[in-house]
Amino acid sequence: MPAPSIDFLRAAAAQQGVFIEDEDLPGVLAFLEVVLPRLAELERRLPPETPA
């Protein structure tokens, strides 16, 4: 799963009423680039009958 773009992160935060400083977004993106692939791998390892 690819990490979202900085523009997407900015828009998603604004939709939730959170306004992030532009200089913070690269840090959020770097975090997601590490975490999202690991979460996707864990999800692939779960048996199909595991409830979501």
PDB file of N, CA and C in Angstrom:
ATOM      1  N   MET A   1       0.845  -1.175   0.000  1.00  0.00           N
ATOM      2  CA  MET A   1       0.000   0.000   0.000  1.00  0.00           C
ATOM      3  C   MET A   1       0.890   1.238   0.000  1.00  0.00           C
ATOM      4  N   PRO A   2       0.771   2.075  -1.022  1.00  0.00           N
ATOM      5  CA  PRO A   2       1.601   3.283  -1.064  1.00  0.00           C
ATOM      6  C   PRO A   2       1.123   4.321  -0.048  1.00  0.00           C
ATOM      7  N   ALA A   3       2.052   5.101   0.433  1.00  0.00           N
ATOM      8  CA  ALA A   3       1.717   6.170   1.368  1.00  0.00           C
ATOM      9  C   ALA A   3       0.980   7.274   0.621  1.00  0.00           C
ATOM     10  N   PRO A   4       0.088   7.957   1.302  1.00  0.00           N
ATOM     11  CA  PRO A   4      -0.639   9.049   0.653  1.00  0.00           C
ATOM     12  C   PRO A   4       0.277  10.235   0.372  1.00  0.00           C
ATOM     13  N   SER A   5      -0.173  11.103  -0.502  1.00  0.00           N
ATOM     14  CA  SER A   5       0.605  12.307  -0.815  1.00  0.00           C
ATOM     15  C   SER A   5       0.442  13.332   0.311  1.00  0.00           C
ATOM     16  N   ILE A   6       1.326  14.291   0.321  1.00  0.00           N
ATOM     17  CA  ILE A   6       1.244  15.362   1.316  1.00  0.00           C
ATOM     18  C   ILE A   6      -0.042  16.147   1.125  1.00  0.00           C
ATOM     19  N   ASP A   7      -0.452  16.373  -0.116  1.00  0.00           N
ATOM     20  CA  ASP A   7      -1.712  17.089  -0.367  1.00  0.00           C
ATOM     21  C   ASP A   7      -2.895  16.315   0.207  1.00  0.00           C
ATOM     22  N   PHE A   8      -2.881  14.980   0.043  1.00  0.00           N
ATOM     23  CA  PHE A   8      -3.953  14.167   0.598  1.00  0.00           C
ATOM     24  C   PHE A   8      -3.958  14.268   2.124  1.00  0.00           C
ATOM     25  N   LEU A   9      -2.787  14.192   2.749  1.00  0.00           N
ATOM     26  CA  LEU A   9      -2.706  14.290   4.209  1.00  0.00           C
ATOM     27  C   LEU A   9      -3.252  15.629   4.694  1.00  0.00           C
ATOM     28  N   ARG A  10      -2.903  16.686   4.020  1.00  0.00           N
ATOM     29  CA  ARG A  10      -3.368  18.025   4.389  1.00  0.00           C
ATOM     30  C   ARG A  10      -4.896  18.086   4.298  1.00  0.00           C
ATOM     31  N   ALA A  11      -5.459  17.571   3.195  1.00  0.00           N
ATOM     32  CA  ALA A  11      -6.902  17.607   2.996  1.00  0.00           C
ATOM     33  C   ALA A  11      -7.628  16.716   4.009  1.00  0.00           C
ATOM     34  N   ALA A  12      -7.081  15.527   4.277  1.00  0.00           N
ATOM     35  CA  ALA A  12      -7.706  14.616   5.232  1.00  0.00           C
ATOM     36  C   ALA A  12      -7.714  15.229   6.632  1.00  0.00           C
ATOM     37  N   ALA A  13      -6.636  15.867   7.007  1.00  0.00           N
ATOM     38  CA  ALA A  13      -6.571  16.511   8.321  1.00  0.00           C
ATOM     39  C   ALA A  13      -7.587  17.647   8.397  1.00  0.00           C
ATOM     40  N   ALA A  14      -7.668  18.452   7.353  1.00  0.00           N
ATOM     41  CA  ALA A  14      -8.600  19.585   7.342  1.00  0.00           C
ATOM     42  C   ALA A  14     -10.045  19.104   7.438  1.00  0.00           C
ATOM     43  N   GLN A  15     -10.366  17.979   6.793  1.00  0.00           N
ATOM     44  CA  GLN A  15     -11.723  17.433   6.871  1.00  0.00           C
ATOM     45  C   GLN A  15     -12.098  17.067   8.297  1.00  0.00           C
ATOM     46  N   GLN A  16     -11.097  16.749   9.088  1.00  0.00           N
ATOM     47  CA  GLN A  16     -11.336  16.364  10.484  1.00  0.00           C
ATOM     48  C   GLN A  16     -11.169  17.542  11.439  1.00  0.00           C
ATOM     49  N   GLY A  17     -10.988  18.728  10.874  1.00  0.00           N
ATOM     50  CA  GLY A  17     -10.843  19.920  11.698  1.00  0.00           C
ATOM     51  C   GLY A  17      -9.463  20.095  12.292  1.00  0.00           C
ATOM     52  N   VAL A  18      -8.475  19.389  11.738  1.00  0.00           N
ATOM     53  CA  VAL A  18      -7.100  19.484  12.223  1.00  0.00           C
ATOM     54  C   VAL A  18      -6.283  20.210  11.166  1.00  0.00           C
ATOM     55  N   PHE A  19      -5.566  21.213  11.574  1.00  0.00           N
ATOM     56  CA  PHE A  19      -4.753  21.969  10.626  1.00  0.00           C
ATOM     57  C   PHE A  19      -3.289  21.791  10.996  1.00  0.00           C
ATOM     58  N   ILE A  20      -2.575  21.099  10.127  1.00  0.00           N
ATOM     59  CA  ILE A  20      -1.192  20.721  10.364  1.00  0.00           C
ATOM     60  C   ILE A  20      -0.270  21.713   9.666  1.00  0.00           C
ATOM     61  N   GLU A  21       0.801  22.055  10.314  1.00  0.00           N
ATOM     62  CA  GLU A  21       1.805  22.919   9.701  1.00  0.00           C
ATOM     63  C   GLU A  21       2.480  22.157   8.560  1.00  0.00           C
ATOM     64  N   ASP A  22       2.745  22.833   7.455  1.00  0.00           N
ATOM     65  CA  ASP A  22       3.351  22.183   6.294  1.00  0.00           C
ATOM     66  C   ASP A  22       4.669  21.502   6.632  1.00  0.00           C
ATOM     67  N   GLU A  23       5.427  22.058   7.557  1.00  0.00           N
ATOM     68  CA  GLU A  23       6.715  21.452   7.890  1.00  0.00           C
ATOM     69  C   GLU A  23       6.547  20.146   8.671  1.00  0.00           C
ATOM     70  N   ASP A  24       5.365  19.882   9.228  1.00  0.00           N
ATOM     71  CA  ASP A  24       5.115  18.625   9.942  1.00  0.00           C
ATOM     72  C   ASP A  24       4.715  17.483   9.004  1.00  0.00           C
ATOM     73  N   LEU A  25       4.188  17.818   7.837  1.00  0.00           N
ATOM     74  CA  LEU A  25       3.672  16.796   6.929  1.00  0.00           C
ATOM     75  C   LEU A  25       4.727  15.815   6.429  1.00  0.00           C
ATOM     76  N   PRO A  26       5.943  16.230   6.110  1.00  0.00           N
ATOM     77  CA  PRO A  26       6.940  15.231   5.702  1.00  0.00           C
ATOM     78  C   PRO A  26       7.229  14.193   6.786  1.00  0.00           C
ATOM     79  N   GLY A  27       7.190  14.594   8.049  1.00  0.00           N
ATOM     80  CA  GLY A  27       7.387  13.649   9.141  1.00  0.00           C
ATOM     81  C   GLY A  27       6.250  12.645   9.234  1.00  0.00           C
ATOM     82  N   VAL A  28       5.029  13.128   9.050  1.00  0.00           N
ATOM     83  CA  VAL A  28       3.866  12.233   9.046  1.00  0.00           C
ATOM     84  C   VAL A  28       3.984  11.259   7.881  1.00  0.00           C
ATOM     85  N   LEU A  29       4.353  11.764   6.725  1.00  0.00           N
ATOM     86  CA  LEU A  29       4.495  10.921   5.542  1.00  0.00           C
ATOM     87  C   LEU A  29       5.576   9.864   5.748  1.00  0.00           C
ATOM     88  N   ALA A  30       6.694  10.238   6.331  1.00  0.00           N
ATOM     89  CA  ALA A  30       7.771   9.272   6.594  1.00  0.00           C
ATOM     90  C   ALA A  30       7.293   8.180   7.545  1.00  0.00           C
ATOM     91  N   PHE A  31       6.537   8.557   8.563  1.00  0.00           N
ATOM     92  CA  PHE A  31       5.982   7.580   9.496  1.00  0.00           C
ATOM     93  C   PHE A  31       5.064   6.598   8.764  1.00  0.00           C
ATOM     94  N   LEU A  32       4.170   7.125   7.930  1.00  0.00           N
ATOM     95  CA  LEU A  32       3.234   6.271   7.200  1.00  0.00           C
ATOM     96  C   LEU A  32       3.945   5.364   6.205  1.00  0.00           C
ATOM     97  N   GLU A  33       5.031   5.846   5.610  1.00  0.00           N
ATOM     98  CA  GLU A  33       5.778   5.024   4.658  1.00  0.00           C
ATOM     99  C   GLU A  33       6.389   3.795   5.342  1.00  0.00           C
ATOM    100  N   VAL A  34       6.642   3.886   6.631  1.00  0.00           N
ATOM    101  CA  VAL A  34       7.174   2.752   7.392  1.00  0.00           C
ATOM    102  C   VAL A  34       6.039   1.872   7.910  1.00  0.00           C
ATOM    103  N   VAL A  35       5.019   2.492   8.461  1.00  0.00           N
ATOM    104  CA  VAL A  35       3.961   1.751   9.141  1.00  0.00           C
ATOM    105  C   VAL A  35       2.993   1.057   8.179  1.00  0.00           C
ATOM    106  N   LEU A  36       2.561   1.727   7.121  1.00  0.00           N
ATOM    107  CA  LEU A  36       1.543   1.147   6.238  1.00  0.00           C
ATOM    108  C   LEU A  36       1.968  -0.172   5.598  1.00  0.00           C
ATOM    109  N   PRO A  37       3.188  -0.295   5.073  1.00  0.00           N
ATOM    110  CA  PRO A  37       3.563  -1.593   4.513  1.00  0.00           C
ATOM    111  C   PRO A  37       3.591  -2.707   5.568  1.00  0.00           C
ATOM    112  N   ARG A  38       3.988  -2.393   6.767  1.00  0.00           N
ATOM    113  CA  ARG A  38       4.023  -3.408   7.827  1.00  0.00           C
ATOM    114  C   ARG A  38       2.614  -3.824   8.228  1.00  0.00           C
ATOM    115  N   LEU A  39       1.699  -2.871   8.280  1.00  0.00           N
ATOM    116  CA  LEU A  39       0.314  -3.221   8.575  1.00  0.00           C
ATOM    117  C   LEU A  39      -0.287  -4.076   7.460  1.00  0.00           C
ATOM    118  N   ALA A  40       0.033  -3.736   6.219  1.00  0.00           N
ATOM    119  CA  ALA A  40      -0.468  -4.534   5.091  1.00  0.00           C
ATOM    120  C   ALA A  40       0.069  -5.959   5.165  1.00  0.00           C
ATOM    121  N   GLU A  41       1.314  -6.121   5.557  1.00  0.00           N
ATOM    122  CA  GLU A  41       1.896  -7.462   5.688  1.00  0.00           C
ATOM    123  C   GLU A  41       1.196  -8.250   6.794  1.00  0.00           C
ATOM    124  N   LEU A  42       0.940  -7.619   7.916  1.00  0.00           N
ATOM    125  CA  LEU A  42       0.216  -8.291   8.996  1.00  0.00           C
ATOM    126  C   LEU A  42      -1.177  -8.711   8.537  1.00  0.00           C
ATOM    127  N   GLU A  43      -1.836  -7.828   7.802  1.00  0.00           N
ATOM    128  CA  GLU A  43      -3.171  -8.134   7.303  1.00  0.00           C
ATOM    129  C   GLU A  43      -3.145  -9.338   6.359  1.00  0.00           C
ATOM    130  N   ARG A  44      -2.120  -9.431   5.514  1.00  0.00           N
ATOM    131  CA  ARG A  44      -1.994 -10.578   4.608  1.00  0.00           C
ATOM    132  C   ARG A  44      -1.793 -11.879   5.366  1.00  0.00           C
ATOM    133  N   ARG A  45      -1.166 -11.814   6.528  1.00  0.00           N
ATOM    134  CA  ARG A  45      -0.870 -13.016   7.310  1.00  0.00           C
ATOM    135  C   ARG A  45      -2.082 -13.531   8.102  1.00  0.00           C
ATOM    136  N   LEU A  46      -3.087 -12.679   8.282  1.00  0.00           N
ATOM    137  CA  LEU A  46      -4.258 -13.098   9.046  1.00  0.00           C
ATOM    138  C   LEU A  46      -5.082 -14.095   8.255  1.00  0.00           C
ATOM    139  N   PRO A  47      -5.626 -15.076   8.926  1.00  0.00           N
ATOM    140  CA  PRO A  47      -6.524 -16.009   8.238  1.00  0.00           C
ATOM    141  C   PRO A  47      -7.741 -15.258   7.684  1.00  0.00           C
ATOM    142  N   PRO A  48      -8.255 -15.692   6.543  1.00  0.00           N
ATOM    143  CA  PRO A  48      -9.387 -14.994   5.923  1.00  0.00           C
ATOM    144  C   PRO A  48     -10.620 -14.875   6.820  1.00  0.00           C
ATOM    145  N   GLU A  49     -10.798 -15.811   7.737  1.00  0.00           N
ATOM    146  CA  GLU A  49     -11.983 -15.776   8.591  1.00  0.00           C
ATOM    147  C   GLU A  49     -11.846 -14.830   9.787  1.00  0.00           C
ATOM    148  N   THR A  50     -10.711 -14.151   9.925  1.00  0.00           N
ATOM    149  CA  THR A  50     -10.504 -13.220  11.022  1.00  0.00           C
ATOM    150  C   THR A  50     -11.418 -12.014  10.839  1.00  0.00           C
ATOM    151  N   PRO A  51     -12.221 -11.678  11.878  1.00  0.00           N
ATOM    152  CA  PRO A  51     -13.116 -10.509  11.742  1.00  0.00           C
ATOM    153  C   PRO A  51     -12.311  -9.217  11.609  1.00  0.00           C
ATOM    154  N   ALA A  52     -12.855  -8.298  10.867  1.00  0.00           N
ATOM    155  CA  ALA A  52     -12.183  -7.003  10.654  1.00  0.00           C
ATOM    156  C   ALA A  52     -12.419  -6.071  11.806  1.00  0.00           C
TER     157      ALA A  52
END
